[in-house]
């Protein structure tokens, strides 16, 4: 069975030639809802497989550095999607060119994972018949480097952002502000330090809800 893998980054995503459905479709009850105000799913994904997922690590260094952050992320994804996500101790090589084991998000902590954009992290998801099936995250270790000036909130923002890519969310087409002035955490922002959320915003809530609900619409 052919699986599809798409890479997305914090500030740059692949252009897709698909027309997204909106939350206002007349046939929303029977067709997948893949975008709305301030959110969008990746072009090759309509829903998520609801079996339990695990977060694994590329190596022991990645596991030691990122486990505390990813425990928070796993709990939030579980709450938002209604799909159990846990952090394991497994070592699973991370790759953006080959799909990993089913229901596994493999995470790597490394310096400059994307040489073209040395300050960036990135993540993405594999799909099987439209279902998010596995994922990957590359977290830039330079965010922890002395003298770089990144805060814990900004590091956590990066992990929230890339974890959402790993289960199927994309950068939204528009980046509106809610009543508190917050933009979507998944926005294609010009630089990490402009992110102000400390977890997913109100804009991502319907994205995660539809990622699960679409399972019954396909």
C-alpha atoms as a PDB file:
ATOM      1  CA  UNK A   1       0.000   0.000   0.000  1.00  0.00           C
ATOM      2  CA  UNK A   2       1.507   3.325  -1.014  1.00  0.00           C
ATOM      3  CA  UNK A   3       1.893   5.899   1.734  1.00  0.00           C
ATOM      4  CA  UNK A   4       2.399   9.602   1.172  1.00  0.00           C
ATOM      5  CA  UNK A   5       4.796  11.756   3.163  1.00  0.00           C
ATOM      6  CA  UNK A   6       4.855  15.545   3.080  1.00  0.00           C
ATOM      7  CA  UNK A   7       7.392  17.772   4.866  1.00  0.00           C
ATOM      8  CA  UNK A   8       6.318  21.063   6.432  1.00  0.00           C
ATOM      9  CA  UNK A   9       8.469  23.580   8.284  1.00  0.00           C
ATOM     10  CA  UNK A  10       7.875  26.312  10.857  1.00  0.00           C
ATOM     11  CA  UNK A  11       8.117  29.107   8.333  1.00  0.00           C
ATOM     12  CA  UNK A  12       7.745  27.390   4.958  1.00  0.00           C
ATOM     13  CA  UNK A  13       5.367  24.724   3.678  1.00  0.00           C
ATOM     14  CA  UNK A  14       4.968  22.997   0.367  1.00  0.00           C
ATOM     15  CA  UNK A  15       2.435  24.529  -2.017  1.00  0.00           C
ATOM     16  CA  UNK A  16      -0.455  22.203  -2.641  1.00  0.00           C
ATOM     17  CA  UNK A  17      -2.706  22.088  -5.687  1.00  0.00           C
ATOM     18  CA  UNK A  18      -5.835  20.957  -3.905  1.00  0.00           C
ATOM     19  CA  UNK A  19      -8.993  22.903  -3.145  1.00  0.00           C
ATOM     20  CA  UNK A  20      -9.820  22.647   0.547  1.00  0.00           C
ATOM     21  CA  UNK A  21     -13.346  22.213   1.794  1.00  0.00           C
ATOM     22  CA  UNK A  22     -14.538  24.747   4.340  1.00  0.00           C
ATOM     23  CA  UNK A  23     -16.423  24.508   7.593  1.00  0.00           C
ATOM     24  CA  UNK A  24     -19.421  26.054   5.843  1.00  0.00           C
ATOM     25  CA  UNK A  25     -19.991  23.358   3.206  1.00  0.00           C
ATOM     26  CA  UNK A  26     -23.600  22.350   2.787  1.00  0.00           C
ATOM     27  CA  UNK A  27     -22.515  18.730   2.714  1.00  0.00           C
ATOM     28  CA  UNK A  28     -20.320  19.020   5.810  1.00  0.00           C
ATOM     29  CA  UNK A  29     -22.143  16.146   7.480  1.00  0.00           C
ATOM     30  CA  UNK A  30     -21.070  13.737   4.747  1.00  0.00           C
ATOM     31  CA  UNK A  31     -17.806  15.161   3.423  1.00  0.00           C
ATOM     32  CA  UNK A  32     -14.540  15.672   5.299  1.00  0.00           C
ATOM     33  CA  UNK A  33     -14.018  19.180   6.625  1.00  0.00           C
ATOM     34  CA  UNK A  34     -10.359  19.950   6.012  1.00  0.00           C
ATOM     35  CA  UNK A  35     -10.088  23.704   6.580  1.00  0.00           C
ATOM     36  CA  UNK A  36     -11.760  26.624   8.259  1.00  0.00           C
ATOM     37  CA  UNK A  37     -10.974  30.069   9.582  1.00  0.00           C
ATOM     38  CA  UNK A  38      -7.422  30.009  10.907  1.00  0.00           C
ATOM     39  CA  UNK A  39      -6.788  26.273  10.377  1.00  0.00           C
ATOM     40  CA  UNK A  40      -6.127  23.727   7.664  1.00  0.00           C
ATOM     41  CA  UNK A  41      -5.212  20.047   7.338  1.00  0.00           C
ATOM     42  CA  UNK A  42      -2.373  18.881   5.115  1.00  0.00           C
ATOM     43  CA  UNK A  43      -3.480  18.230   1.531  1.00  0.00           C
ATOM     44  CA  UNK A  44      -2.987  14.450   1.702  1.00  0.00           C
ATOM     45  CA  UNK A  45      -4.790  14.000   5.042  1.00  0.00           C
ATOM     46  CA  UNK A  46      -8.506  14.003   5.846  1.00  0.00           C
ATOM     47  CA  UNK A  47      -8.527  12.282   9.248  1.00  0.00           C
ATOM     48  CA  UNK A  48      -6.470  10.490  11.878  1.00  0.00           C
ATOM     49  CA  UNK A  49      -6.416   6.808  12.704  1.00  0.00           C
ATOM     50  CA  UNK A  50      -7.827   6.592  16.219  1.00  0.00           C
ATOM     51  CA  UNK A  51      -5.722   3.707  17.515  1.00  0.00           C
ATOM     52  CA  UNK A  52      -3.321   4.789  20.313  1.00  0.00           C
ATOM     53  CA  UNK A  53      -0.210   6.652  19.168  1.00  0.00           C
ATOM     54  CA  UNK A  54       3.275   6.771  20.671  1.00  0.00           C
ATOM     55  CA  UNK A  55       6.018   9.368  20.551  1.00  0.00           C
ATOM     56  CA  UNK A  56       9.461   7.782  20.076  1.00  0.00           C
ATOM     57  CA  UNK A  57      12.978   9.201  19.689  1.00  0.00           C
ATOM     58  CA  UNK A  58      15.732   9.103  17.112  1.00  0.00           C
ATOM     59  CA  UNK A  59      18.426   8.513  19.740  1.00  0.00           C
ATOM     60  CA  UNK A  60      19.069   8.633  23.467  1.00  0.00           C
ATOM     61  CA  UNK A  61      20.117  12.301  23.350  1.00  0.00           C
ATOM     62  CA  UNK A  62      16.825  13.308  21.759  1.00  0.00           C
ATOM     63  CA  UNK A  63      14.981  11.267  24.379  1.00  0.00           C
ATOM     64  CA  UNK A  64      16.831  12.878  27.289  1.00  0.00           C
ATOM     65  CA  UNK A  65      16.432  16.438  26.000  1.00  0.00           C
ATOM     66  CA  UNK A  66      12.822  16.335  24.803  1.00  0.00           C
ATOM     67  CA  UNK A  67      10.883  13.866  26.975  1.00  0.00           C
ATOM     68  CA  UNK A  68       9.706  16.506  29.509  1.00  0.00           C
ATOM     69  CA  UNK A  69       8.407  18.768  26.734  1.00  0.00           C
ATOM     70  CA  UNK A  70       6.751  15.974  24.799  1.00  0.00           C
ATOM     71  CA  UNK A  71       4.866  14.667  27.827  1.00  0.00           C
ATOM     72  CA  UNK A  72       3.007  17.979  27.856  1.00  0.00           C
ATOM     73  CA  UNK A  73       2.479  17.746  24.116  1.00  0.00           C
ATOM     74  CA  UNK A  74       1.161  14.183  24.263  1.00  0.00           C
ATOM     75  CA  UNK A  75      -1.349  15.104  26.960  1.00  0.00           C
ATOM     76  CA  UNK A  76      -2.568  18.082  24.944  1.00  0.00           C
ATOM     77  CA  UNK A  77      -2.921  16.087  21.718  1.00  0.00           C
ATOM     78  CA  UNK A  78      -4.842  13.395  23.587  1.00  0.00           C
ATOM     79  CA  UNK A  79      -7.197  16.002  25.016  1.00  0.00           C
ATOM     80  CA  UNK A  80      -7.718  17.865  21.732  1.00  0.00           C
ATOM     81  CA  UNK A  81      -8.087  14.886  19.372  1.00  0.00           C
ATOM     82  CA  UNK A  82      -9.658  12.291  21.652  1.00  0.00           C
ATOM     83  CA  UNK A  83      -6.924   9.905  20.477  1.00  0.00           C
ATOM     84  CA  UNK A  84      -4.511   8.526  23.070  1.00  0.00           C
ATOM     85  CA  UNK A  85      -0.947   9.787  22.596  1.00  0.00           C
ATOM     86  CA  UNK A  86       1.814   8.703  25.003  1.00  0.00           C
ATOM     87  CA  UNK A  87       5.563   9.232  25.237  1.00  0.00           C
ATOM     88  CA  UNK A  88       7.586   6.035  25.054  1.00  0.00           C
ATOM     89  CA  UNK A  89      11.279   5.296  25.571  1.00  0.00           C
ATOM     90  CA  UNK A  90      11.560   3.638  22.147  1.00  0.00           C
ATOM     91  CA  UNK A  91      14.404   4.475  19.774  1.00  0.00           C
ATOM     92  CA  UNK A  92      13.017   4.801  16.233  1.00  0.00           C
ATOM     93  CA  UNK A  93      15.137   6.460  13.530  1.00  0.00           C
ATOM     94  CA  UNK A  94      13.541   9.665  12.302  1.00  0.00           C
ATOM     95  CA  UNK A  95      13.143  10.227   8.567  1.00  0.00           C
ATOM     96  CA  UNK A  96      11.206  12.747   6.481  1.00  0.00           C
ATOM     97  CA  UNK A  97      11.685  10.734   3.270  1.00  0.00           C
ATOM     98  CA  UNK A  98      10.411   7.373   4.515  1.00  0.00           C
ATOM     99  CA  UNK A  99       7.336   6.659   6.601  1.00  0.00           C
ATOM    100  CA  UNK A 100       8.030   5.344  10.062  1.00  0.00           C
ATOM    101  CA  UNK A 101       6.204   2.645  12.045  1.00  0.00           C
ATOM    102  CA  UNK A 102       2.446   2.950  12.286  1.00  0.00           C
ATOM    103  CA  UNK A 103       0.992   5.175  14.992  1.00  0.00           C
ATOM    104  CA  UNK A 104       4.428   6.479  15.890  1.00  0.00           C
ATOM    105  CA  UNK A 105       5.808  10.012  15.869  1.00  0.00           C
ATOM    106  CA  UNK A 106       9.598   9.870  15.834  1.00  0.00           C
ATOM    107  CA  UNK A 107      11.424  12.939  17.148  1.00  0.00           C
ATOM    108  CA  UNK A 108      14.991  14.085  16.583  1.00  0.00           C
ATOM    109  CA  UNK A 109      16.851  16.848  18.472  1.00  0.00           C
ATOM    110  CA  UNK A 110      19.683  18.162  16.284  1.00  0.00           C
ATOM    111  CA  UNK A 111      21.440  21.336  15.227  1.00  0.00           C
ATOM    112  CA  UNK A 112      20.194  22.948  12.025  1.00  0.00           C
ATOM    113  CA  UNK A 113      18.031  20.069  10.766  1.00  0.00           C
ATOM    114  CA  UNK A 114      17.195  22.087   7.648  1.00  0.00           C
ATOM    115  CA  UNK A 115      20.445  23.654   6.367  1.00  0.00           C
ATOM    116  CA  UNK A 116      18.497  25.916   4.011  1.00  0.00           C
ATOM    117  CA  UNK A 117      16.757  27.466   7.034  1.00  0.00           C
ATOM    118  CA  UNK A 118      19.284  27.026   9.865  1.00  0.00           C
ATOM    119  CA  UNK A 119      17.062  28.525  12.563  1.00  0.00           C
ATOM    120  CA  UNK A 120      14.075  26.328  11.818  1.00  0.00           C
ATOM    121  CA  UNK A 121      12.546  23.095  13.041  1.00  0.00           C
ATOM    122  CA  UNK A 122      10.114  21.066  10.946  1.00  0.00           C
ATOM    123  CA  UNK A 123       7.656  18.192  11.085  1.00  0.00           C
ATOM    124  CA  UNK A 124       5.256  16.263   8.911  1.00  0.00           C
ATOM    125  CA  UNK A 125       2.915  13.305   8.625  1.00  0.00           C
ATOM    126  CA  UNK A 126       2.499  10.152   6.571  1.00  0.00           C
ATOM    127  CA  UNK A 127      -0.934   9.141   5.338  1.00  0.00           C
ATOM    128  CA  UNK A 128      -2.545   5.839   4.429  1.00  0.00           C
ATOM    129  CA  UNK A 129      -5.790   6.218   2.452  1.00  0.00           C
ATOM    130  CA  UNK A 130      -6.142   9.753   3.780  1.00  0.00           C
ATOM    131  CA  UNK A 131      -5.557   8.839   7.426  1.00  0.00           C
ATOM    132  CA  UNK A 132      -2.642  10.314   9.369  1.00  0.00           C
ATOM    133  CA  UNK A 133      -0.690   7.152  10.016  1.00  0.00           C
ATOM    134  CA  UNK A 134       2.730   8.158  11.390  1.00  0.00           C
ATOM    135  CA  UNK A 135       4.799  11.304  11.748  1.00  0.00           C
ATOM    136  CA  UNK A 136       8.161  12.889  12.382  1.00  0.00           C
ATOM    137  CA  UNK A 137       9.582  15.955  14.093  1.00  0.00           C
ATOM    138  CA  UNK A 138      13.002  17.584  13.823  1.00  0.00           C
ATOM    139  CA  UNK A 139      13.568  20.020  16.686  1.00  0.00           C
ATOM    140  CA  UNK A 140      16.451  22.443  16.265  1.00  0.00           C
ATOM    141  CA  UNK A 141      18.791  22.025  19.226  1.00  0.00           C
ATOM    142  CA  UNK A 142      20.168  25.525  18.601  1.00  0.00           C
ATOM    143  CA  UNK A 143      17.088  26.859  20.413  1.00  0.00           C
ATOM    144  CA  UNK A 144      18.796  25.671  23.609  1.00  0.00           C
ATOM    145  CA  UNK A 145      22.233  27.073  22.723  1.00  0.00           C
ATOM    146  CA  UNK A 146      23.776  29.603  25.084  1.00  0.00           C
ATOM    147  CA  UNK A 147      23.561  33.142  23.812  1.00  0.00           C
ATOM    148  CA  UNK A 148      20.765  32.491  21.324  1.00  0.00           C
ATOM    149  CA  UNK A 149      18.180  34.180  23.532  1.00  0.00           C
ATOM    150  CA  UNK A 150      15.285  31.745  23.162  1.00  0.00           C
ATOM    151  CA  UNK A 151      12.916  31.282  26.077  1.00  0.00           C
ATOM    152  CA  UNK A 152      11.308  28.100  27.343  1.00  0.00           C
ATOM    153  CA  UNK A 153       7.962  29.349  26.024  1.00  0.00           C
ATOM    154  CA  UNK A 154       9.406  29.736  22.524  1.00  0.00           C
ATOM    155  CA  UNK A 155      10.956  26.271  22.651  1.00  0.00           C
ATOM    156  CA  UNK A 156       7.644  24.827  23.772  1.00  0.00           C
ATOM    157  CA  UNK A 157       5.841  26.738  21.019  1.00  0.00           C
ATOM    158  CA  UNK A 158       8.107  25.087  18.471  1.00  0.00           C
ATOM    159  CA  UNK A 159       7.305  21.630  19.819  1.00  0.00           C
ATOM    160  CA  UNK A 160       3.537  22.321  19.896  1.00  0.00           C
ATOM    161  CA  UNK A 161       3.745  23.540  16.299  1.00  0.00           C
ATOM    162  CA  UNK A 162       5.758  20.637  14.911  1.00  0.00           C
ATOM    163  CA  UNK A 163       3.723  18.025  16.808  1.00  0.00           C
ATOM    164  CA  UNK A 164       0.578  19.334  15.111  1.00  0.00           C
ATOM    165  CA  UNK A 165       2.295  18.952  11.739  1.00  0.00           C
ATOM    166  CA  UNK A 166       3.168  15.369  12.731  1.00  0.00           C
ATOM    167  CA  UNK A 167      -0.528  14.448  13.074  1.00  0.00           C
ATOM    168  CA  UNK A 168      -1.719  16.264   9.965  1.00  0.00           C
ATOM    169  CA  UNK A 169      -2.169  19.993  10.522  1.00  0.00           C
ATOM    170  CA  UNK A 170      -0.779  22.491   8.000  1.00  0.00           C
ATOM    171  CA  UNK A 171      -0.158  26.209   8.067  1.00  0.00           C
ATOM    172  CA  UNK A 172      -3.559  27.944   7.711  1.00  0.00           C
ATOM    173  CA  UNK A 173      -4.398  29.992   4.654  1.00  0.00           C
ATOM    174  CA  UNK A 174      -5.109  33.042   6.822  1.00  0.00           C
ATOM    175  CA  UNK A 175      -3.854  34.127  10.233  1.00  0.00           C
ATOM    176  CA  UNK A 176      -6.681  36.001  11.988  1.00  0.00           C
ATOM    177  CA  UNK A 177      -6.630  37.210  15.579  1.00  0.00           C
ATOM    178  CA  UNK A 178      -9.112  36.018  18.189  1.00  0.00           C
ATOM    179  CA  UNK A 179     -10.717  38.309  20.764  1.00  0.00           C
ATOM    180  CA  UNK A 180      -7.587  38.135  22.912  1.00  0.00           C
ATOM    181  CA  UNK A 181      -5.346  39.060  19.985  1.00  0.00           C
ATOM    182  CA  UNK A 182      -3.857  35.593  19.519  1.00  0.00           C
ATOM    183  CA  UNK A 183      -3.090  34.285  16.058  1.00  0.00           C
ATOM    184  CA  UNK A 184      -3.115  30.561  15.225  1.00  0.00           C
ATOM    185  CA  UNK A 185      -0.085  28.743  16.590  1.00  0.00           C
ATOM    186  CA  UNK A 186       0.128  27.021  13.198  1.00  0.00           C
ATOM    187  CA  UNK A 187       0.600  30.281  11.288  1.00  0.00           C
ATOM    188  CA  UNK A 188       3.524  30.597   8.944  1.00  0.00           C
ATOM    189  CA  UNK A 189       5.031  33.310  11.096  1.00  0.00           C
ATOM    190  CA  UNK A 190       8.164  35.267  10.253  1.00  0.00           C
ATOM    191  CA  UNK A 191      10.353  33.960  13.026  1.00  0.00           C
ATOM    192  CA  UNK A 192       9.820  31.873  16.138  1.00  0.00           C
ATOM    193  CA  UNK A 193      10.037  34.819  18.506  1.00  0.00           C
ATOM    194  CA  UNK A 194       6.746  36.258  17.238  1.00  0.00           C
ATOM    195  CA  UNK A 195       4.813  33.288  18.637  1.00  0.00           C
ATOM    196  CA  UNK A 196       2.972  34.177  21.826  1.00  0.00           C
ATOM    197  CA  UNK A 197       0.870  31.070  22.473  1.00  0.00           C
ATOM    198  CA  UNK A 198       2.026  28.601  25.084  1.00  0.00           C
ATOM    199  CA  UNK A 199      -0.112  25.834  23.687  1.00  0.00           C
ATOM    200  CA  UNK A 200      -2.639  25.392  20.923  1.00  0.00           C
ATOM    201  CA  UNK A 201      -4.904  28.381  20.393  1.00  0.00           C
ATOM    202  CA  UNK A 202      -8.656  28.532  19.867  1.00  0.00           C
ATOM    203  CA  UNK A 203      -7.964  28.380  16.124  1.00  0.00           C
ATOM    204  CA  UNK A 204      -6.494  24.871  16.336  1.00  0.00           C
ATOM    205  CA  UNK A 205      -9.403  23.466  18.372  1.00  0.00           C
ATOM    206  CA  UNK A 206     -11.702  22.799  15.360  1.00  0.00           C
ATOM    207  CA  UNK A 207      -8.736  21.457  13.372  1.00  0.00           C
ATOM    208  CA  UNK A 208      -8.133  18.708  15.899  1.00  0.00           C
ATOM    209  CA  UNK A 209     -11.870  18.057  16.327  1.00  0.00           C
ATOM    210  CA  UNK A 210     -12.386  17.605  12.588  1.00  0.00           C
ATOM    211  CA  UNK A 211      -9.251  15.507  12.231  1.00  0.00           C
ATOM    212  CA  UNK A 212     -11.019  12.914  14.362  1.00  0.00           C
ATOM    213  CA  UNK A 213     -14.617  13.546  13.217  1.00  0.00           C
ATOM    214  CA  UNK A 214     -13.669  13.207   9.542  1.00  0.00           C
ATOM    215  CA  UNK A 215     -13.067   9.503  10.151  1.00  0.00           C
ATOM    216  CA  UNK A 216     -16.865   9.115  10.051  1.00  0.00           C
ATOM    217  CA  UNK A 217     -17.202  11.290   6.917  1.00  0.00           C
ATOM    218  CA  UNK A 218     -14.939   9.407   4.518  1.00  0.00           C
END
